[in-house]
Amino acid sequence: MNWYEKLNEYFPVEEMKSKEHMEMLLKEKSDVYHKDEGEYHVMMYAEFDSFIFIDYVYVSPKARGKGIGHQLLEKLKQRGKPIILEVEPVDYEDTDTEKRLKFYQREGFKHAQSIGYTRRSLATNEVNTMEILYWSPEEESEEAIYEKMKKLYEQIHTYKDEELYGESYQPVDEVLKFERDRGSDLFSDLKK
């Protein structure tokens, strides 16, 4: 199974970029967009001057619990920049969402409670709400994380969207909202 098939099997269709989109990013934005691949993992990420965005992380079910995810994150943390990622809200019917959140919480990630992120999937036309998690070596504000999210949305998620998908994704100001006191902390909802 190639790297894209592994990601496609693990992530919901509404969260997936097309293979063409990712290959185009790897080729045309090779200074920013990267693939870290091994026998038991695939990680797609974008590294900008002031932050890193993890687009996808897959660890094979055979290798879970062996520290691969921790090692991948540690390698990125060594660069000393904030790390941002998007996660699905907890779905208690899907235990993977809860395990994933607990993993990121153990790794020191915070939930950006002020950032709302909702976009329509071009693949399914469904509205998809995601939560933003971040790790910061210098206690970055959520407002600063929000500004970084806007940049990555425009440079990674919507890169050549019309050419690739036949239509444009929604503009950034429809997708991302910054609202103080938006809601409860995602981590506090986890079962102890």
N, C-alpha and C. Protein backbone atom coordinates (compact mmCIF):
# COMPACT_ATOMS: atom_id res chain seq x y z
N MET A 1 0.86 -1.18 0.00
CA MET A 1 0.00 0.00 0.00
C MET A 1 0.90 1.25 0.00
N ASN A 2 0.62 2.19 -0.90
CA ASN A 2 1.46 3.39 -0.94
C ASN A 2 1.01 4.40 0.12
N TRP A 3 1.79 5.47 0.28
CA TRP A 3 1.53 6.46 1.32
C TRP A 3 0.14 7.06 1.23
N TYR A 4 -0.34 7.35 0.01
CA TYR A 4 -1.65 7.97 -0.13
C TYR A 4 -2.76 7.00 0.25
N GLU A 5 -2.61 5.74 -0.14
CA GLU A 5 -3.62 4.74 0.21
C GLU A 5 -3.73 4.57 1.72
N LYS A 6 -2.60 4.63 2.42
CA LYS A 6 -2.62 4.52 3.89
C LYS A 6 -3.40 5.68 4.49
N LEU A 7 -3.12 6.90 4.02
CA LEU A 7 -3.84 8.07 4.54
C LEU A 7 -5.32 7.99 4.20
N ASN A 8 -5.61 7.62 2.96
CA ASN A 8 -6.99 7.58 2.47
C ASN A 8 -7.82 6.54 3.21
N GLU A 9 -7.18 5.46 3.61
CA GLU A 9 -7.88 4.41 4.36
C GLU A 9 -8.19 4.87 5.79
N TYR A 10 -7.33 5.70 6.35
CA TYR A 10 -7.45 6.09 7.75
C TYR A 10 -8.31 7.34 7.95
N PHE A 11 -8.17 8.34 7.08
CA PHE A 11 -8.87 9.62 7.27
C PHE A 11 -10.20 9.64 6.54
N PRO A 12 -11.22 10.30 7.13
CA PRO A 12 -12.52 10.42 6.45
C PRO A 12 -12.36 11.17 5.12
N VAL A 13 -13.19 10.79 4.15
CA VAL A 13 -13.10 11.36 2.80
C VAL A 13 -13.21 12.89 2.83
N GLU A 14 -14.03 13.43 3.72
CA GLU A 14 -14.22 14.89 3.75
C GLU A 14 -12.99 15.64 4.26
N GLU A 15 -12.05 14.92 4.88
CA GLU A 15 -10.82 15.56 5.36
C GLU A 15 -9.66 15.41 4.39
N MET A 16 -9.81 14.54 3.42
CA MET A 16 -8.69 14.22 2.54
C MET A 16 -8.53 15.21 1.38
N LYS A 17 -7.29 15.56 1.14
CA LYS A 17 -6.95 16.25 -0.11
C LYS A 17 -6.81 15.16 -1.17
N SER A 18 -6.96 15.53 -2.43
CA SER A 18 -6.73 14.55 -3.49
C SER A 18 -5.23 14.22 -3.55
N LYS A 19 -4.93 13.07 -4.12
CA LYS A 19 -3.53 12.68 -4.29
C LYS A 19 -2.81 13.72 -5.17
N GLU A 20 -3.51 14.21 -6.19
CA GLU A 20 -2.93 15.22 -7.09
C GLU A 20 -2.58 16.49 -6.32
N HIS A 21 -3.46 16.88 -5.40
CA HIS A 21 -3.23 18.08 -4.59
C HIS A 21 -1.95 17.91 -3.77
N MET A 22 -1.83 16.77 -3.08
CA MET A 22 -0.64 16.56 -2.24
C MET A 22 0.62 16.43 -3.07
N GLU A 23 0.53 15.74 -4.21
CA GLU A 23 1.71 15.61 -5.07
C GLU A 23 2.13 16.97 -5.63
N MET A 24 1.14 17.80 -5.96
CA MET A 24 1.45 19.14 -6.46
C MET A 24 2.12 19.98 -5.37
N LEU A 25 1.62 19.88 -4.14
CA LEU A 25 2.24 20.60 -3.02
C LEU A 25 3.68 20.11 -2.81
N LEU A 26 3.87 18.80 -2.84
CA LEU A 26 5.22 18.24 -2.64
C LEU A 26 6.19 18.71 -3.74
N LYS A 27 5.68 18.84 -4.95
CA LYS A 27 6.53 19.23 -6.07
C LYS A 27 6.70 20.75 -6.16
N GLU A 28 5.59 21.48 -6.15
CA GLU A 28 5.63 22.92 -6.41
C GLU A 28 5.90 23.75 -5.16
N LYS A 29 5.67 23.18 -3.99
CA LYS A 29 5.94 23.88 -2.73
C LYS A 29 6.89 23.04 -1.89
N SER A 30 7.88 22.46 -2.54
CA SER A 30 8.80 21.54 -1.87
C SER A 30 9.63 22.22 -0.77
N ASP A 31 9.70 23.54 -0.82
CA ASP A 31 10.39 24.27 0.24
C ASP A 31 9.54 24.34 1.51
N VAL A 32 8.23 24.08 1.38
CA VAL A 32 7.29 24.21 2.51
C VAL A 32 6.62 22.87 2.86
N TYR A 33 6.14 22.15 1.85
CA TYR A 33 5.32 20.94 2.10
C TYR A 33 6.20 19.69 2.02
N HIS A 34 6.06 18.83 3.04
CA HIS A 34 6.96 17.67 3.15
C HIS A 34 6.22 16.39 3.50
N LYS A 35 6.85 15.27 3.14
CA LYS A 35 6.35 13.95 3.50
C LYS A 35 7.44 13.24 4.29
N ASP A 36 7.08 12.72 5.46
CA ASP A 36 7.97 11.90 6.27
C ASP A 36 7.32 10.53 6.29
N GLU A 37 7.98 9.55 5.68
CA GLU A 37 7.38 8.24 5.50
C GLU A 37 8.32 7.14 5.96
N GLY A 38 7.77 6.18 6.67
CA GLY A 38 8.54 5.02 7.08
C GLY A 38 7.67 3.78 6.95
N GLU A 39 8.18 2.65 7.36
CA GLU A 39 7.44 1.40 7.22
C GLU A 39 6.07 1.46 7.91
N TYR A 40 6.02 2.13 9.07
CA TYR A 40 4.80 2.14 9.86
C TYR A 40 4.15 3.51 10.01
N HIS A 41 4.61 4.50 9.26
CA HIS A 41 4.01 5.83 9.41
C HIS A 41 4.07 6.64 8.13
N VAL A 42 3.17 7.63 8.05
CA VAL A 42 3.19 8.67 7.03
C VAL A 42 2.81 9.96 7.73
N MET A 43 3.63 10.99 7.56
CA MET A 43 3.30 12.31 8.09
C MET A 43 3.48 13.33 6.98
N MET A 44 2.43 14.09 6.72
CA MET A 44 2.48 15.18 5.75
C MET A 44 2.43 16.47 6.56
N TYR A 45 3.37 17.37 6.28
CA TYR A 45 3.38 18.61 7.06
C TYR A 45 3.95 19.76 6.23
N ALA A 46 3.59 20.97 6.66
CA ALA A 46 4.09 22.18 6.01
C ALA A 46 4.90 22.94 7.04
N GLU A 47 6.11 23.31 6.67
CA GLU A 47 6.95 24.10 7.58
C GLU A 47 7.17 25.49 7.01
N PHE A 48 6.62 26.46 7.72
CA PHE A 48 6.79 27.87 7.36
C PHE A 48 7.89 28.46 8.24
N ASP A 49 8.26 29.71 7.99
CA ASP A 49 9.31 30.34 8.80
C ASP A 49 8.98 30.36 10.28
N SER A 50 7.69 30.63 10.59
CA SER A 50 7.35 30.86 12.00
C SER A 50 6.48 29.77 12.63
N PHE A 51 6.15 28.71 11.88
CA PHE A 51 5.35 27.63 12.46
C PHE A 51 5.38 26.40 11.55
N ILE A 52 4.88 25.29 12.11
CA ILE A 52 4.75 24.03 11.39
C ILE A 52 3.28 23.62 11.46
N PHE A 53 2.74 23.15 10.35
CA PHE A 53 1.38 22.63 10.31
C PHE A 53 1.44 21.15 9.96
N ILE A 54 0.87 20.32 10.81
CA ILE A 54 0.80 18.89 10.51
C ILE A 54 -0.52 18.65 9.78
N ASP A 55 -0.42 18.26 8.52
CA ASP A 55 -1.60 18.05 7.70
C ASP A 55 -2.21 16.67 7.99
N TYR A 56 -1.38 15.64 8.00
CA TYR A 56 -1.84 14.27 8.27
C TYR A 56 -0.75 13.50 9.01
N VAL A 57 -1.17 12.70 9.98
CA VAL A 57 -0.26 11.75 10.63
C VAL A 57 -0.97 10.41 10.67
N TYR A 58 -0.31 9.41 10.13
CA TYR A 58 -0.83 8.05 10.15
C TYR A 58 0.23 7.16 10.77
N VAL A 59 -0.17 6.37 11.77
CA VAL A 59 0.70 5.34 12.32
C VAL A 59 -0.06 4.03 12.17
N SER A 60 0.59 3.05 11.58
CA SER A 60 -0.03 1.75 11.34
C SER A 60 -0.57 1.16 12.63
N PRO A 61 -1.77 0.56 12.57
CA PRO A 61 -2.32 -0.09 13.77
C PRO A 61 -1.34 -1.10 14.38
N LYS A 62 -0.53 -1.74 13.54
CA LYS A 62 0.46 -2.72 14.03
C LYS A 62 1.52 -2.07 14.92
N ALA A 63 1.74 -0.77 14.72
CA ALA A 63 2.84 -0.10 15.42
C ALA A 63 2.37 0.90 16.48
N ARG A 64 1.07 0.98 16.70
CA ARG A 64 0.58 1.95 17.70
C ARG A 64 1.03 1.54 19.09
N GLY A 65 1.33 2.56 19.91
CA GLY A 65 1.79 2.29 21.27
C GLY A 65 3.29 2.02 21.36
N LYS A 66 4.00 2.15 20.25
CA LYS A 66 5.44 1.89 20.24
C LYS A 66 6.27 3.18 20.21
N GLY A 67 5.61 4.34 20.34
CA GLY A 67 6.33 5.60 20.44
C GLY A 67 6.62 6.29 19.12
N ILE A 68 6.10 5.78 18.02
CA ILE A 68 6.39 6.40 16.71
C ILE A 68 5.80 7.81 16.63
N GLY A 69 4.54 7.96 17.05
CA GLY A 69 3.91 9.28 17.03
C GLY A 69 4.68 10.28 17.88
N HIS A 70 5.10 9.84 19.06
CA HIS A 70 5.89 10.70 19.96
C HIS A 70 7.19 11.12 19.28
N GLN A 71 7.89 10.17 18.65
CA GLN A 71 9.15 10.48 17.98
C GLN A 71 8.96 11.47 16.84
N LEU A 72 7.89 11.30 16.06
CA LEU A 72 7.61 12.23 14.96
C LEU A 72 7.39 13.65 15.48
N LEU A 73 6.60 13.77 16.56
CA LEU A 73 6.34 15.09 17.13
C LEU A 73 7.60 15.69 17.75
N GLU A 74 8.38 14.87 18.43
CA GLU A 74 9.63 15.36 19.04
C GLU A 74 10.56 15.94 17.98
N LYS A 75 10.64 15.26 16.85
CA LYS A 75 11.50 15.74 15.76
C LYS A 75 11.06 17.14 15.31
N LEU A 76 9.75 17.36 15.24
CA LEU A 76 9.25 18.69 14.84
C LEU A 76 9.42 19.71 15.97
N LYS A 77 9.20 19.29 17.21
CA LYS A 77 9.36 20.21 18.35
C LYS A 77 10.79 20.73 18.45
N GLN A 78 11.76 19.92 18.05
CA GLN A 78 13.17 20.33 18.10
C GLN A 78 13.44 21.58 17.26
N ARG A 79 12.57 21.88 16.32
CA ARG A 79 12.76 23.06 15.46
C ARG A 79 12.37 24.35 16.16
N GLY A 80 11.74 24.24 17.34
CA GLY A 80 11.46 25.42 18.16
C GLY A 80 10.38 26.35 17.64
N LYS A 81 9.46 25.83 16.84
CA LYS A 81 8.38 26.65 16.28
C LYS A 81 7.04 26.10 16.77
N PRO A 82 6.02 26.95 16.83
CA PRO A 82 4.69 26.42 17.14
C PRO A 82 4.29 25.35 16.12
N ILE A 83 3.56 24.36 16.59
CA ILE A 83 3.05 23.29 15.73
C ILE A 83 1.53 23.33 15.83
N ILE A 84 0.88 23.34 14.67
CA ILE A 84 -0.59 23.43 14.61
C ILE A 84 -1.12 22.19 13.89
N LEU A 85 -2.26 21.70 14.35
CA LEU A 85 -2.93 20.63 13.64
C LEU A 85 -4.43 20.72 13.84
N GLU A 86 -5.16 20.06 12.95
CA GLU A 86 -6.62 20.03 13.00
C GLU A 86 -7.05 18.63 13.42
N VAL A 87 -8.04 18.54 14.31
CA VAL A 87 -8.57 17.24 14.71
C VAL A 87 -10.09 17.26 14.68
N GLU A 88 -10.66 16.07 14.52
CA GLU A 88 -12.11 15.94 14.60
C GLU A 88 -12.53 16.11 16.05
N PRO A 89 -13.70 16.68 16.28
CA PRO A 89 -14.22 16.72 17.65
C PRO A 89 -14.40 15.29 18.17
N VAL A 90 -14.44 15.12 19.48
CA VAL A 90 -14.60 13.79 20.06
C VAL A 90 -15.93 13.19 19.62
N ASP A 91 -15.84 11.97 19.12
CA ASP A 91 -17.02 11.19 18.79
C ASP A 91 -16.93 9.93 19.64
N TYR A 92 -17.79 9.83 20.64
CA TYR A 92 -17.69 8.71 21.58
C TYR A 92 -18.04 7.37 20.95
N GLU A 93 -18.57 7.39 19.74
CA GLU A 93 -18.83 6.15 19.01
C GLU A 93 -17.56 5.70 18.28
N ASP A 94 -16.62 6.63 18.08
CA ASP A 94 -15.36 6.33 17.40
C ASP A 94 -14.24 6.53 18.41
N THR A 95 -13.78 5.44 19.02
CA THR A 95 -12.80 5.56 20.11
C THR A 95 -11.48 6.14 19.63
N ASP A 96 -11.20 6.07 18.32
CA ASP A 96 -9.95 6.65 17.81
C ASP A 96 -9.88 8.15 18.06
N THR A 97 -11.02 8.86 17.98
CA THR A 97 -10.99 10.32 18.17
C THR A 97 -10.57 10.64 19.60
N GLU A 98 -11.07 9.88 20.55
CA GLU A 98 -10.73 10.11 21.95
C GLU A 98 -9.25 9.76 22.21
N LYS A 99 -8.80 8.63 21.68
CA LYS A 99 -7.39 8.22 21.85
C LYS A 99 -6.46 9.25 21.25
N ARG A 100 -6.83 9.76 20.08
CA ARG A 100 -6.00 10.75 19.39
C ARG A 100 -5.87 12.02 20.24
N LEU A 101 -7.00 12.48 20.78
CA LEU A 101 -6.97 13.68 21.62
C LEU A 101 -6.13 13.47 22.87
N LYS A 102 -6.28 12.34 23.50
CA LYS A 102 -5.49 12.05 24.72
C LYS A 102 -4.00 12.01 24.38
N PHE A 103 -3.66 11.47 23.23
CA PHE A 103 -2.26 11.44 22.79
C PHE A 103 -1.72 12.87 22.66
N TYR A 104 -2.44 13.73 21.96
CA TYR A 104 -1.96 15.10 21.77
C TYR A 104 -1.91 15.86 23.09
N GLN A 105 -2.84 15.59 23.97
CA GLN A 105 -2.83 16.23 25.28
C GLN A 105 -1.57 15.82 26.05
N ARG A 106 -1.23 14.54 26.02
CA ARG A 106 0.00 14.05 26.68
C ARG A 106 1.24 14.69 26.06
N GLU A 107 1.17 15.00 24.78
CA GLU A 107 2.31 15.59 24.07
C GLU A 107 2.41 17.10 24.29
N GLY A 108 1.52 17.66 25.11
CA GLY A 108 1.61 19.09 25.46
C GLY A 108 0.85 20.03 24.55
N PHE A 109 -0.02 19.49 23.70
CA PHE A 109 -0.81 20.35 22.82
C PHE A 109 -1.96 20.97 23.59
N LYS A 110 -2.33 22.18 23.18
CA LYS A 110 -3.47 22.90 23.76
C LYS A 110 -4.57 22.99 22.72
N HIS A 111 -5.79 23.12 23.20
CA HIS A 111 -6.93 23.31 22.33
C HIS A 111 -7.15 24.81 22.14
N ALA A 112 -7.16 25.27 20.90
CA ALA A 112 -7.40 26.69 20.61
C ALA A 112 -8.90 26.93 20.72
N GLN A 113 -9.33 27.32 21.90
CA GLN A 113 -10.77 27.47 22.17
C GLN A 113 -11.39 28.66 21.45
N SER A 114 -10.58 29.63 21.06
CA SER A 114 -11.11 30.85 20.42
C SER A 114 -11.23 30.72 18.91
N ILE A 115 -10.73 29.63 18.34
CA ILE A 115 -10.71 29.51 16.88
C ILE A 115 -11.81 28.54 16.43
N GLY A 116 -12.72 29.06 15.62
CA GLY A 116 -13.75 28.23 15.00
C GLY A 116 -13.30 27.88 13.59
N TYR A 117 -13.47 26.62 13.20
CA TYR A 117 -13.00 26.17 11.88
C TYR A 117 -14.04 25.24 11.28
N THR A 118 -14.76 25.74 10.29
CA THR A 118 -15.82 24.96 9.63
C THR A 118 -15.71 25.21 8.14
N ARG A 119 -15.60 24.12 7.37
CA ARG A 119 -15.55 24.30 5.92
C ARG A 119 -16.34 23.21 5.22
N ARG A 120 -16.78 23.54 4.03
CA ARG A 120 -17.53 22.60 3.20
C ARG A 120 -16.52 21.75 2.43
N SER A 121 -16.73 20.45 2.47
CA SER A 121 -15.84 19.53 1.73
C SER A 121 -16.21 19.56 0.25
N LEU A 122 -15.22 19.73 -0.60
CA LEU A 122 -15.49 19.66 -2.04
C LEU A 122 -15.75 18.21 -2.45
N ALA A 123 -15.24 17.26 -1.68
CA ALA A 123 -15.43 15.85 -2.01
C ALA A 123 -16.85 15.38 -1.71
N THR A 124 -17.41 15.81 -0.58
CA THR A 124 -18.72 15.31 -0.15
C THR A 124 -19.80 16.39 -0.11
N ASN A 125 -19.39 17.64 -0.19
CA ASN A 125 -20.27 18.81 -0.07
C ASN A 125 -20.85 18.95 1.34
N GLU A 126 -20.35 18.16 2.30
CA GLU A 126 -20.81 18.26 3.68
C GLU A 126 -20.01 19.33 4.41
N VAL A 127 -20.65 19.94 5.41
CA VAL A 127 -19.95 20.90 6.25
C VAL A 127 -19.19 20.12 7.30
N ASN A 128 -17.93 20.45 7.45
CA ASN A 128 -17.02 19.71 8.31
C ASN A 128 -16.45 20.67 9.36
N THR A 129 -16.66 20.37 10.64
CA THR A 129 -16.11 21.20 11.70
C THR A 129 -14.91 20.49 12.30
N MET A 130 -13.83 21.22 12.45
CA MET A 130 -12.61 20.67 13.04
C MET A 130 -12.21 21.55 14.22
N GLU A 131 -11.43 20.97 15.10
CA GLU A 131 -10.87 21.71 16.23
C GLU A 131 -9.38 21.92 15.96
N ILE A 132 -8.85 23.02 16.46
CA ILE A 132 -7.45 23.35 16.27
C ILE A 132 -6.68 23.06 17.55
N LEU A 133 -5.62 22.27 17.43
CA LEU A 133 -4.71 22.02 18.54
C LEU A 133 -3.38 22.65 18.19
N TYR A 134 -2.64 23.09 19.21
CA TYR A 134 -1.33 23.67 18.95
C TYR A 134 -0.39 23.41 20.12
N TRP A 135 0.87 23.35 19.77
CA TRP A 135 1.95 23.26 20.75
C TRP A 135 2.85 24.45 20.48
N SER A 136 3.26 25.14 21.52
CA SER A 136 4.09 26.31 21.31
C SER A 136 5.21 26.35 22.35
N PRO A 137 6.45 26.52 21.90
CA PRO A 137 7.57 26.58 22.86
C PRO A 137 7.56 27.87 23.67
N GLU A 138 6.87 28.90 23.18
CA GLU A 138 6.89 30.19 23.86
C GLU A 138 5.50 30.73 24.17
N GLU A 139 4.57 29.85 24.50
CA GLU A 139 3.22 30.27 24.90
C GLU A 139 2.60 31.27 23.93
N GLU A 140 2.58 30.93 22.67
CA GLU A 140 1.97 31.76 21.63
C GLU A 140 0.48 32.00 21.96
N SER A 141 -0.02 33.18 21.65
CA SER A 141 -1.44 33.48 21.90
C SER A 141 -2.31 32.77 20.86
N GLU A 142 -3.56 32.54 21.21
CA GLU A 142 -4.49 31.93 20.25
C GLU A 142 -4.71 32.85 19.05
N GLU A 143 -4.62 34.14 19.28
CA GLU A 143 -4.77 35.09 18.17
C GLU A 143 -3.63 34.90 17.16
N ALA A 144 -2.42 34.68 17.65
CA ALA A 144 -1.28 34.44 16.75
C ALA A 144 -1.45 33.11 16.01
N ILE A 145 -1.97 32.10 16.70
CA ILE A 145 -2.24 30.81 16.06
C ILE A 145 -3.30 30.98 14.96
N TYR A 146 -4.31 31.77 15.24
CA TYR A 146 -5.36 32.07 14.26
C TYR A 146 -4.76 32.69 12.99
N GLU A 147 -3.86 33.64 13.16
CA GLU A 147 -3.22 34.28 11.99
C GLU A 147 -2.42 33.26 11.18
N LYS A 148 -1.75 32.35 11.86
CA LYS A 148 -0.99 31.29 11.18
C LYS A 148 -1.93 30.34 10.45
N MET A 149 -3.08 30.03 11.06
CA MET A 149 -4.08 29.17 10.42
C MET A 149 -4.58 29.79 9.12
N LYS A 150 -4.80 31.09 9.12
CA LYS A 150 -5.27 31.76 7.91
C LYS A 150 -4.24 31.59 6.79
N LYS A 151 -2.97 31.76 7.13
CA LYS A 151 -1.90 31.63 6.14
C LYS A 151 -1.86 30.21 5.57
N LEU A 152 -1.92 29.21 6.43
CA LEU A 152 -1.82 27.83 5.93
C LEU A 152 -3.07 27.45 5.14
N TYR A 153 -4.23 27.96 5.54
CA TYR A 153 -5.46 27.66 4.79
C TYR A 153 -5.31 28.16 3.35
N GLU A 154 -4.80 29.38 3.22
CA GLU A 154 -4.68 29.97 1.88
C GLU A 154 -3.53 29.38 1.07
N GLN A 155 -2.46 28.96 1.73
CA GLN A 155 -1.29 28.48 0.98
C GLN A 155 -1.25 26.96 0.80
N ILE A 156 -1.96 26.22 1.65
CA ILE A 156 -1.91 24.76 1.57
C ILE A 156 -3.29 24.19 1.18
N HIS A 157 -4.30 24.44 2.00
CA HIS A 157 -5.61 23.83 1.75
C HIS A 157 -6.24 24.28 0.44
N THR A 158 -6.13 25.54 0.11
CA THR A 158 -6.80 26.03 -1.11
C THR A 158 -5.83 26.19 -2.28
N TYR A 159 -4.64 25.64 -2.17
CA TYR A 159 -3.65 25.75 -3.24
C TYR A 159 -4.19 25.16 -4.54
N LYS A 160 -4.29 26.00 -5.56
CA LYS A 160 -4.77 25.61 -6.90
C LYS A 160 -6.08 24.82 -6.84
N ASP A 161 -6.97 25.19 -5.92
CA ASP A 161 -8.21 24.45 -5.72
C ASP A 161 -9.11 24.38 -6.96
N GLU A 162 -9.24 25.50 -7.69
CA GLU A 162 -10.08 25.47 -8.89
C GLU A 162 -9.52 24.53 -9.93
N GLU A 163 -8.21 24.58 -10.12
CA GLU A 163 -7.55 23.71 -11.09
C GLU A 163 -7.70 22.24 -10.69
N LEU A 164 -7.58 21.95 -9.41
CA LEU A 164 -7.61 20.56 -8.93
C LEU A 164 -9.02 20.00 -8.77
N TYR A 165 -9.95 20.83 -8.28
CA TYR A 165 -11.28 20.33 -7.93
C TYR A 165 -12.40 20.90 -8.79
N GLY A 166 -12.06 21.84 -9.68
CA GLY A 166 -13.09 22.41 -10.54
C GLY A 166 -13.89 23.53 -9.89
N GLU A 167 -13.60 23.81 -8.63
CA GLU A 167 -14.26 24.92 -7.92
C GLU A 167 -13.36 25.37 -6.77
N SER A 168 -13.68 26.54 -6.24
CA SER A 168 -12.87 27.08 -5.15
C SER A 168 -13.42 26.66 -3.80
N TYR A 169 -12.50 26.49 -2.86
CA TYR A 169 -12.93 26.35 -1.47
C TYR A 169 -13.46 27.71 -1.01
N GLN A 170 -14.15 27.70 0.11
CA GLN A 170 -14.68 28.94 0.67
C GLN A 170 -13.52 29.87 1.03
N PRO A 171 -13.78 31.19 1.00
CA PRO A 171 -12.74 32.12 1.43
C PRO A 171 -12.41 31.95 2.91
N VAL A 172 -11.21 32.31 3.28
CA VAL A 172 -10.71 32.08 4.63
C VAL A 172 -11.59 32.72 5.71
N ASP A 173 -12.16 33.89 5.43
CA ASP A 173 -12.97 34.54 6.47
C ASP A 173 -14.33 33.87 6.69
N GLU A 174 -14.74 32.97 5.80
CA GLU A 174 -15.95 32.17 6.02
C GLU A 174 -15.63 30.91 6.82
N VAL A 175 -14.41 30.44 6.69
CA VAL A 175 -14.00 29.16 7.27
C VAL A 175 -13.46 29.31 8.69
N LEU A 176 -12.64 30.33 8.89
CA LEU A 176 -12.00 30.53 10.19
C LEU A 176 -12.59 31.73 10.91
N LYS A 177 -12.90 31.54 12.17
CA LYS A 177 -13.44 32.63 13.01
C LYS A 177 -12.63 32.70 14.29
N PHE A 178 -12.40 33.92 14.75
CA PHE A 178 -11.73 34.10 16.05
C PHE A 178 -12.73 34.73 16.99
N GLU A 179 -13.11 33.99 18.02
CA GLU A 179 -14.10 34.46 18.98
C GLU A 179 -13.63 34.11 20.38
N ARG A 180 -13.32 35.12 21.15
CA ARG A 180 -12.95 34.84 22.55
C ARG A 180 -14.13 34.18 23.24
N ASP A 181 -13.83 33.28 24.16
CA ASP A 181 -14.87 32.57 24.92
C ASP A 181 -15.85 31.84 23.99
N ARG A 182 -15.31 31.19 22.97
CA ARG A 182 -16.13 30.47 21.99
C ARG A 182 -16.80 29.24 22.58
N GLY A 183 -16.13 28.60 23.51
CA GLY A 183 -16.73 27.37 24.04
C GLY A 183 -15.84 26.69 25.03
N SER A 184 -16.22 25.46 25.35
CA SER A 184 -15.47 24.71 26.36
C SER A 184 -14.20 24.13 25.75
N ASP A 185 -13.32 23.74 26.63
CA ASP A 185 -12.08 23.13 26.19
C ASP A 185 -12.34 21.70 25.77
N LEU A 186 -11.92 21.36 24.59
CA LEU A 186 -12.06 20.02 24.03
C LEU A 186 -11.49 18.97 24.98
N PHE A 187 -10.38 19.27 25.62
CA PHE A 187 -9.73 18.29 26.48
C PHE A 187 -10.54 18.03 27.75
N SER A 188 -11.29 19.03 28.23
CA SER A 188 -12.05 18.82 29.45
C SER A 188 -13.23 17.89 29.21
N ASP A 189 -13.61 17.70 27.94
CA ASP A 189 -14.71 16.80 27.60
C ASP A 189 -14.28 15.33 27.60
N LEU A 190 -12.98 15.08 27.60
CA LEU A 190 -12.51 13.69 27.55
C LEU A 190 -12.86 12.95 28.82
N LYS A 191 -13.24 11.69 28.65
CA LYS A 191 -13.48 10.86 29.82
C LYS A 191 -12.16 10.65 30.52
N LYS A 192 -12.17 10.73 31.81
CA LYS A 192 -10.91 10.59 32.57
C LYS A 192 -10.52 9.14 32.66
